[in-house]
Amino acid sequence: MATLTIRLPDAHRDRLAAMAAQRGMSMNKLMEELSVRALAEHDTEMRFRMRAARGDTGRGLKLLAELDRRHAQARARDP
């Protein structure tokens, strides 16, 4: 396992710490969860873009837009 040091504005760090506390987890666990989500989103987007490039671009991009819409709805429910 690797160690990563990042620089954030104090206000962002404080909000992340509050989020971790609200979820009953450590900052380390929260950052791990957030990074897993970001990587999953990226991988999904890349798969859809590759499919769009191989086939019906309209259909592939329509699916990607639907994924973005659903993601925005999920974010609105779980801030």
PDB file of N, CA and C in Angstrom:
ATOM      1  N   MET A   1       0.842  -1.167   0.000  1.00  0.00           N
ATOM      2  CA  MET A   1       0.000   0.000   0.000  1.00  0.00           C
ATOM      3  C   MET A   1       0.891   1.234   0.000  1.00  0.00           C
ATOM      4  N   ALA A   2       0.468   2.265  -0.713  1.00  0.00           N
ATOM      5  CA  ALA A   2       1.247   3.489  -0.838  1.00  0.00           C
ATOM      6  C   ALA A   2       0.709   4.572   0.082  1.00  0.00           C
ATOM      7  N   THR A   3       1.555   5.530   0.387  1.00  0.00           N
ATOM      8  CA  THR A   3       1.170   6.708   1.140  1.00  0.00           C
ATOM      9  C   THR A   3       1.163   7.884   0.187  1.00  0.00           C
ATOM     10  N   LEU A   4       0.121   8.708   0.267  1.00  0.00           N
ATOM     11  CA  LEU A   4      -0.040   9.845  -0.628  1.00  0.00           C
ATOM     12  C   LEU A   4      -0.240  11.094   0.210  1.00  0.00           C
ATOM     13  N   THR A   5       0.541  12.114  -0.062  1.00  0.00           N
ATOM     14  CA  THR A   5       0.378  13.394   0.615  1.00  0.00           C
ATOM     15  C   THR A   5      -0.204  14.376  -0.391  1.00  0.00           C
ATOM     16  N   ILE A   6      -1.297  15.040  -0.004  1.00  0.00           N
ATOM     17  CA  ILE A   6      -1.907  16.020  -0.898  1.00  0.00           C
ATOM     18  C   ILE A   6      -2.057  17.344  -0.164  1.00  0.00           C
ATOM     19  N   ARG A   7      -2.098  18.418  -0.935  1.00  0.00           N
ATOM     20  CA  ARG A   7      -2.320  19.739  -0.365  1.00  0.00           C
ATOM     21  C   ARG A   7      -3.740  20.167  -0.712  1.00  0.00           C
ATOM     22  N   LEU A   8      -4.472  20.572   0.312  1.00  0.00           N
ATOM     23  CA  LEU A   8      -5.839  21.060   0.146  1.00  0.00           C
ATOM     24  C   LEU A   8      -5.992  22.351   0.930  1.00  0.00           C
ATOM     25  N   PRO A   9      -6.887  23.215   0.476  1.00  0.00           N
ATOM     26  CA  PRO A   9      -7.205  24.362   1.326  1.00  0.00           C
ATOM     27  C   PRO A   9      -7.760  23.858   2.660  1.00  0.00           C
ATOM     28  N   ASP A  10      -7.491  24.603   3.709  1.00  0.00           N
ATOM     29  CA  ASP A  10      -7.944  24.195   5.047  1.00  0.00           C
ATOM     30  C   ASP A  10      -9.448  23.954   5.083  1.00  0.00           C
ATOM     31  N   ALA A  11     -10.195  24.785   4.385  1.00  0.00           N
ATOM     32  CA  ALA A  11     -11.655  24.640   4.397  1.00  0.00           C
ATOM     33  C   ALA A  11     -12.076  23.305   3.788  1.00  0.00           C
ATOM     34  N   HIS A  12     -11.409  22.872   2.730  1.00  0.00           N
ATOM     35  CA  HIS A  12     -11.735  21.577   2.111  1.00  0.00           C
ATOM     36  C   HIS A  12     -11.391  20.444   3.066  1.00  0.00           C
ATOM     37  N   ARG A  13     -10.240  20.543   3.688  1.00  0.00           N
ATOM     38  CA  ARG A  13      -9.824  19.501   4.638  1.00  0.00           C
ATOM     39  C   ARG A  13     -10.821  19.408   5.786  1.00  0.00           C
ATOM     40  N   ASP A  14     -11.268  20.550   6.275  1.00  0.00           N
ATOM     41  CA  ASP A  14     -12.230  20.559   7.374  1.00  0.00           C
ATOM     42  C   ASP A  14     -13.556  19.921   6.954  1.00  0.00           C
ATOM     43  N   ARG A  15     -14.008  20.227   5.738  1.00  0.00           N
ATOM     44  CA  ARG A  15     -15.267  19.646   5.258  1.00  0.00           C
ATOM     45  C   ARG A  15     -15.135  18.137   5.077  1.00  0.00           C
ATOM     46  N   LEU A  16     -13.981  17.693   4.562  1.00  0.00           N
ATOM     47  CA  LEU A  16     -13.758  16.250   4.404  1.00  0.00           C
ATOM     48  C   LEU A  16     -13.714  15.559   5.764  1.00  0.00           C
ATOM     49  N   ALA A  17     -13.074  16.196   6.727  1.00  0.00           N
ATOM     50  CA  ALA A  17     -13.019  15.621   8.074  1.00  0.00           C
ATOM     51  C   ALA A  17     -14.421  15.514   8.666  1.00  0.00           C
ATOM     52  N   ALA A  18     -15.249  16.531   8.445  1.00  0.00           N
ATOM     53  CA  ALA A  18     -16.627  16.494   8.940  1.00  0.00           C
ATOM     54  C   ALA A  18     -17.410  15.390   8.237  1.00  0.00           C
ATOM     55  N   MET A  19     -17.201  15.226   6.938  1.00  0.00           N
ATOM     56  CA  MET A  19     -17.882  14.169   6.186  1.00  0.00           C
ATOM     57  C   MET A  19     -17.481  12.800   6.724  1.00  0.00           C
ATOM     58  N   ALA A  20     -16.189  12.612   6.951  1.00  0.00           N
ATOM     59  CA  ALA A  20     -15.713  11.328   7.483  1.00  0.00           C
ATOM     60  C   ALA A  20     -16.328  11.054   8.854  1.00  0.00           C
ATOM     61  N   ALA A  21     -16.348  12.080   9.700  1.00  0.00           N
ATOM     62  CA  ALA A  21     -16.916  11.909  11.041  1.00  0.00           C
ATOM     63  C   ALA A  21     -18.400  11.571  10.955  1.00  0.00           C
ATOM     64  N   GLN A  22     -19.127  12.252  10.066  1.00  0.00           N
ATOM     65  CA  GLN A  22     -20.558  12.000   9.901  1.00  0.00           C
ATOM     66  C   GLN A  22     -20.811  10.564   9.466  1.00  0.00           C
ATOM     67  N   ARG A  23     -19.908  10.027   8.635  1.00  0.00           N
ATOM     68  CA  ARG A  23     -20.055   8.649   8.150  1.00  0.00           C
ATOM     69  C   ARG A  23     -19.431   7.628   9.105  1.00  0.00           C
ATOM     70  N   GLY A  24     -18.810   8.109  10.179  1.00  0.00           N
ATOM     71  CA  GLY A  24     -18.220   7.207  11.157  1.00  0.00           C
ATOM     72  C   GLY A  24     -16.984   6.488  10.644  1.00  0.00           C
ATOM     73  N   MET A  25     -16.179   7.202   9.862  1.00  0.00           N
ATOM     74  CA  MET A  25     -14.970   6.570   9.312  1.00  0.00           C
ATOM     75  C   MET A  25     -13.796   7.529   9.409  1.00  0.00           C
ATOM     76  N   SER A  26     -12.627   6.979   9.198  1.00  0.00           N
ATOM     77  CA  SER A  26     -11.418   7.801   9.223  1.00  0.00           C
ATOM     78  C   SER A  26     -11.292   8.580   7.914  1.00  0.00           C
ATOM     79  N   MET A  27     -10.467   9.618   7.952  1.00  0.00           N
ATOM     80  CA  MET A  27     -10.191  10.381   6.722  1.00  0.00           C
ATOM     81  C   MET A  27      -9.558   9.457   5.682  1.00  0.00           C
ATOM     82  N   ASN A  28      -8.705   8.563   6.133  1.00  0.00           N
ATOM     83  CA  ASN A  28      -8.053   7.638   5.213  1.00  0.00           C
ATOM     84  C   ASN A  28      -9.085   6.786   4.482  1.00  0.00           C
ATOM     85  N   LYS A  29     -10.031   6.238   5.212  1.00  0.00           N
ATOM     86  CA  LYS A  29     -11.067   5.390   4.619  1.00  0.00           C
ATOM     87  C   LYS A  29     -11.950   6.214   3.678  1.00  0.00           C
ATOM     88  N   LEU A  30     -12.287   7.442   4.072  1.00  0.00           N
ATOM     89  CA  LEU A  30     -13.091   8.306   3.211  1.00  0.00           C
ATOM     90  C   LEU A  30     -12.371   8.574   1.897  1.00  0.00           C
ATOM     91  N   MET A  31     -11.098   8.915   1.966  1.00  0.00           N
ATOM     92  CA  MET A  31     -10.340   9.201   0.741  1.00  0.00           C
ATOM     93  C   MET A  31     -10.229   7.952  -0.133  1.00  0.00           C
ATOM     94  N   GLU A  32     -10.089   6.800   0.498  1.00  0.00           N
ATOM     95  CA  GLU A  32     -10.052   5.548  -0.265  1.00  0.00           C
ATOM     96  C   GLU A  32     -11.384   5.342  -0.994  1.00  0.00           C
ATOM     97  N   GLU A  33     -12.500   5.541  -0.282  1.00  0.00           N
ATOM     98  CA  GLU A  33     -13.820   5.380  -0.906  1.00  0.00           C
ATOM     99  C   GLU A  33     -14.022   6.358  -2.049  1.00  0.00           C
ATOM    100  N   LEU A  34     -13.650   7.621  -1.832  1.00  0.00           N
ATOM    101  CA  LEU A  34     -13.821   8.629  -2.875  1.00  0.00           C
ATOM    102  C   LEU A  34     -12.956   8.317  -4.098  1.00  0.00           C
ATOM    103  N   SER A  35     -11.752   7.819  -3.874  1.00  0.00           N
ATOM    104  CA  SER A  35     -10.883   7.494  -5.006  1.00  0.00           C
ATOM    105  C   SER A  35     -11.423   6.290  -5.779  1.00  0.00           C
ATOM    106  N   VAL A  36     -11.992   5.313  -5.078  1.00  0.00           N
ATOM    107  CA  VAL A  36     -12.589   4.158  -5.754  1.00  0.00           C
ATOM    108  C   VAL A  36     -13.757   4.614  -6.627  1.00  0.00           C
ATOM    109  N   ARG A  37     -14.592   5.508  -6.096  1.00  0.00           N
ATOM    110  CA  ARG A  37     -15.710   6.047  -6.885  1.00  0.00           C
ATOM    111  C   ARG A  37     -15.215   6.785  -8.129  1.00  0.00           C
ATOM    112  N   ALA A  38     -14.212   7.625  -7.936  1.00  0.00           N
ATOM    113  CA  ALA A  38     -13.682   8.404  -9.067  1.00  0.00           C
ATOM    114  C   ALA A  38     -13.110   7.480 -10.139  1.00  0.00           C
ATOM    115  N   LEU A  39     -12.390   6.454  -9.723  1.00  0.00           N
ATOM    116  CA  LEU A  39     -11.818   5.510 -10.691  1.00  0.00           C
ATOM    117  C   LEU A  39     -12.908   4.718 -11.406  1.00  0.00           C
ATOM    118  N   ALA A  40     -13.939   4.313 -10.682  1.00  0.00           N
ATOM    119  CA  ALA A  40     -15.045   3.577 -11.303  1.00  0.00           C
ATOM    120  C   ALA A  40     -15.759   4.454 -12.325  1.00  0.00           C
ATOM    121  N   GLU A  41     -15.990   5.725 -11.978  1.00  0.00           N
ATOM    122  CA  GLU A  41     -16.618   6.647 -12.930  1.00  0.00           C
ATOM    123  C   GLU A  41     -15.762   6.814 -14.173  1.00  0.00           C
ATOM    124  N   HIS A  42     -14.475   6.977 -13.964  1.00  0.00           N
ATOM    125  CA  HIS A  42     -13.554   7.147 -15.095  1.00  0.00           C
ATOM    126  C   HIS A  42     -13.555   5.907 -15.988  1.00  0.00           C
ATOM    127  N   ASP A  43     -13.450   4.738 -15.374  1.00  0.00           N
ATOM    128  CA  ASP A  43     -13.428   3.494 -16.153  1.00  0.00           C
ATOM    129  C   ASP A  43     -14.718   3.316 -16.945  1.00  0.00           C
ATOM    130  N   THR A  44     -15.845   3.622 -16.321  1.00  0.00           N
ATOM    131  CA  THR A  44     -17.136   3.499 -17.001  1.00  0.00           C
ATOM    132  C   THR A  44     -17.208   4.455 -18.181  1.00  0.00           C
ATOM    133  N   GLU A  45     -16.801   5.685 -17.966  1.00  0.00           N
ATOM    134  CA  GLU A  45     -16.815   6.662 -19.054  1.00  0.00           C
ATOM    135  C   GLU A  45     -15.929   6.213 -20.208  1.00  0.00           C
ATOM    136  N   MET A  46     -14.744   5.707 -19.899  1.00  0.00           N
ATOM    137  CA  MET A  46     -13.832   5.262 -20.956  1.00  0.00           C
ATOM    138  C   MET A  46     -14.422   4.086 -21.733  1.00  0.00           C
ATOM    139  N   ARG A  47     -15.086   3.153 -21.035  1.00  0.00           N
ATOM    140  CA  ARG A  47     -15.719   2.024 -21.728  1.00  0.00           C
ATOM    141  C   ARG A  47     -16.800   2.506 -22.680  1.00  0.00           C
ATOM    142  N   PHE A  48     -17.622   3.442 -22.222  1.00  0.00           N
ATOM    143  CA  PHE A  48     -18.681   3.970 -23.081  1.00  0.00           C
ATOM    144  C   PHE A  48     -18.086   4.723 -24.267  1.00  0.00           C
ATOM    145  N   ARG A  49     -17.054   5.496 -24.035  1.00  0.00           N
ATOM    146  CA  ARG A  49     -16.438   6.238 -25.137  1.00  0.00           C
ATOM    147  C   ARG A  49     -15.798   5.283 -26.153  1.00  0.00           C
ATOM    148  N   MET A  50     -15.179   4.211 -25.683  1.00  0.00           N
ATOM    149  CA  MET A  50     -14.597   3.221 -26.597  1.00  0.00           C
ATOM    150  C   MET A  50     -15.691   2.550 -27.411  1.00  0.00           C
ATOM    151  N   ARG A  51     -16.798   2.205 -26.765  1.00  0.00           N
ATOM    152  CA  ARG A  51     -17.921   1.601 -27.491  1.00  0.00           C
ATOM    153  C   ARG A  51     -18.482   2.568 -28.520  1.00  0.00           C
ATOM    154  N   ALA A  52     -18.586   3.831 -28.127  1.00  0.00           N
ATOM    155  CA  ALA A  52     -19.112   4.844 -29.042  1.00  0.00           C
ATOM    156  C   ALA A  52     -18.201   4.977 -30.258  1.00  0.00           C
ATOM    157  N   ALA A  53     -16.903   4.896 -30.041  1.00  0.00           N
ATOM    158  CA  ALA A  53     -15.957   5.028 -31.150  1.00  0.00           C
ATOM    159  C   ALA A  53     -16.022   3.823 -32.092  1.00  0.00           C
ATOM    160  N   ARG A  54     -16.363   2.651 -31.566  1.00  0.00           N
ATOM    161  CA  ARG A  54     -16.412   1.433 -32.380  1.00  0.00           C
ATOM    162  C   ARG A  54     -17.728   1.264 -33.124  1.00  0.00           C
ATOM    163  N   GLY A  55     -18.760   1.880 -32.621  1.00  0.00           N
ATOM    164  CA  GLY A  55     -20.069   1.588 -33.197  1.00  0.00           C
ATOM    165  C   GLY A  55     -20.879   2.834 -33.451  1.00  0.00           C
ATOM    166  N   ASP A  56     -22.104   2.763 -33.066  1.00  0.00           N
ATOM    167  CA  ASP A  56     -23.062   3.843 -33.259  1.00  0.00           C
ATOM    168  C   ASP A  56     -22.748   4.944 -32.247  1.00  0.00           C
ATOM    169  N   THR A  57     -22.070   5.998 -32.713  1.00  0.00           N
ATOM    170  CA  THR A  57     -21.636   7.043 -31.780  1.00  0.00           C
ATOM    171  C   THR A  57     -22.815   7.718 -31.103  1.00  0.00           C
ATOM    172  N   GLY A  58     -23.894   7.892 -31.817  1.00  0.00           N
ATOM    173  CA  GLY A  58     -25.067   8.519 -31.207  1.00  0.00           C
ATOM    174  C   GLY A  58     -25.590   7.710 -30.040  1.00  0.00           C
ATOM    175  N   ARG A  59     -25.672   6.404 -30.220  1.00  0.00           N
ATOM    176  CA  ARG A  59     -26.179   5.526 -29.156  1.00  0.00           C
ATOM    177  C   ARG A  59     -25.219   5.502 -27.971  1.00  0.00           C
ATOM    178  N   GLY A  60     -23.921   5.375 -28.245  1.00  0.00           N
ATOM    179  CA  GLY A  60     -22.934   5.334 -27.163  1.00  0.00           C
ATOM    180  C   GLY A  60     -22.928   6.614 -26.351  1.00  0.00           C
ATOM    181  N   LEU A  61     -22.972   7.754 -27.042  1.00  0.00           N
ATOM    182  CA  LEU A  61     -22.962   9.020 -26.323  1.00  0.00           C
ATOM    183  C   LEU A  61     -24.277   9.267 -25.607  1.00  0.00           C
ATOM    184  N   LYS A  62     -25.369   8.742 -26.144  1.00  0.00           N
ATOM    185  CA  LYS A  62     -26.666   8.848 -25.473  1.00  0.00           C
ATOM    186  C   LYS A  62     -26.620   8.062 -24.155  1.00  0.00           C
ATOM    187  N   LEU A  63     -26.009   6.878 -24.183  1.00  0.00           N
ATOM    188  CA  LEU A  63     -25.863   6.088 -22.959  1.00  0.00           C
ATOM    189  C   LEU A  63     -24.994   6.814 -21.943  1.00  0.00           C
ATOM    190  N   LEU A  64     -23.928   7.450 -22.429  1.00  0.00           N
ATOM    191  CA  LEU A  64     -23.041   8.191 -21.546  1.00  0.00           C
ATOM    192  C   LEU A  64     -23.782   9.372 -20.916  1.00  0.00           C
ATOM    193  N   ALA A  65     -24.590  10.069 -21.695  1.00  0.00           N
ATOM    194  CA  ALA A  65     -25.383  11.182 -21.163  1.00  0.00           C
ATOM    195  C   ALA A  65     -26.361  10.689 -20.096  1.00  0.00           C
ATOM    196  N   GLU A  66     -26.961   9.524 -20.335  1.00  0.00           N
ATOM    197  CA  GLU A  66     -27.881   8.945 -19.345  1.00  0.00           C
ATOM    198  C   GLU A  66     -27.127   8.602 -18.058  1.00  0.00           C
ATOM    199  N   LEU A  67     -25.928   8.068 -18.193  1.00  0.00           N
ATOM    200  CA  LEU A  67     -25.102   7.763 -17.023  1.00  0.00           C
ATOM    201  C   LEU A  67     -24.798   9.038 -16.252  1.00  0.00           C
ATOM    202  N   ASP A  68     -24.436  10.114 -16.955  1.00  0.00           N
ATOM    203  CA  ASP A  68     -24.174  11.393 -16.298  1.00  0.00           C
ATOM    204  C   ASP A  68     -25.411  11.893 -15.562  1.00  0.00           C
ATOM    205  N   ARG A  69     -26.592  11.765 -16.188  1.00  0.00           N
ATOM    206  CA  ARG A  69     -27.829  12.214 -15.579  1.00  0.00           C
ATOM    207  C   ARG A  69     -28.106  11.434 -14.291  1.00  0.00           C
ATOM    208  N   ARG A  70     -27.938  10.117 -14.362  1.00  0.00           N
ATOM    209  CA  ARG A  70     -28.181   9.292 -13.175  1.00  0.00           C
ATOM    210  C   ARG A  70     -27.185   9.595 -12.064  1.00  0.00           C
ATOM    211  N   HIS A  71     -25.936   9.851 -12.461  1.00  0.00           N
ATOM    212  CA  HIS A  71     -24.910  10.173 -11.472  1.00  0.00           C
ATOM    213  C   HIS A  71     -25.263  11.491 -10.769  1.00  0.00           C
ATOM    214  N   ALA A  72     -25.722  12.481 -11.534  1.00  0.00           N
ATOM    215  CA  ALA A  72     -26.105  13.762 -10.948  1.00  0.00           C
ATOM    216  C   ALA A  72     -27.266  13.588  -9.974  1.00  0.00           C
ATOM    217  N   GLN A  73     -28.224  12.739 -10.326  1.00  0.00           N
ATOM    218  CA  GLN A  73     -29.350  12.472  -9.428  1.00  0.00           C
ATOM    219  C   GLN A  73     -28.865  11.790  -8.149  1.00  0.00           C
ATOM    220  N   ALA A  74     -27.967  10.835  -8.292  1.00  0.00           N
ATOM    221  CA  ALA A  74     -27.452  10.134  -7.113  1.00  0.00           C
ATOM    222  C   ALA A  74     -26.687  11.092  -6.210  1.00  0.00           C
ATOM    223  N   ARG A  75     -25.926  11.987  -6.815  1.00  0.00           N
ATOM    224  CA  ARG A  75     -25.177  12.974  -6.030  1.00  0.00           C
ATOM    225  C   ARG A  75     -26.116  13.887  -5.273  1.00  0.00           C
ATOM    226  N   ALA A  76     -27.213  14.275  -5.920  1.00  0.00           N
ATOM    227  CA  ALA A  76     -28.177  15.162  -5.279  1.00  0.00           C
ATOM    228  C   ALA A  76     -28.828  14.486  -4.072  1.00  0.00           C
ATOM    229  N   ARG A  77     -28.998  13.167  -4.145  1.00  0.00           N
ATOM    230  CA  ARG A  77     -29.582  12.432  -3.025  1.00  0.00           C
ATOM    231  C   ARG A  77     -28.581  12.186  -1.903  1.00  0.00           C
ATOM    232  N   ASP A  78     -27.283  12.070  -2.252  1.00  0.00           N
ATOM    233  CA  ASP A  78     -26.240  11.745  -1.266  1.00  0.00           C
ATOM    234  C   ASP A  78     -25.111  12.759  -1.349  1.00  0.00           C
ATOM    235  N   PRO A  79     -25.331  13.967  -0.805  1.00  0.00           N
ATOM    236  CA  PRO A  79     -24.307  15.026  -0.942  1.00  0.00           C
ATOM    237  C   PRO A  79     -23.045  14.748  -0.221  1.00  0.00           C
TER     238      PRO A  79
END
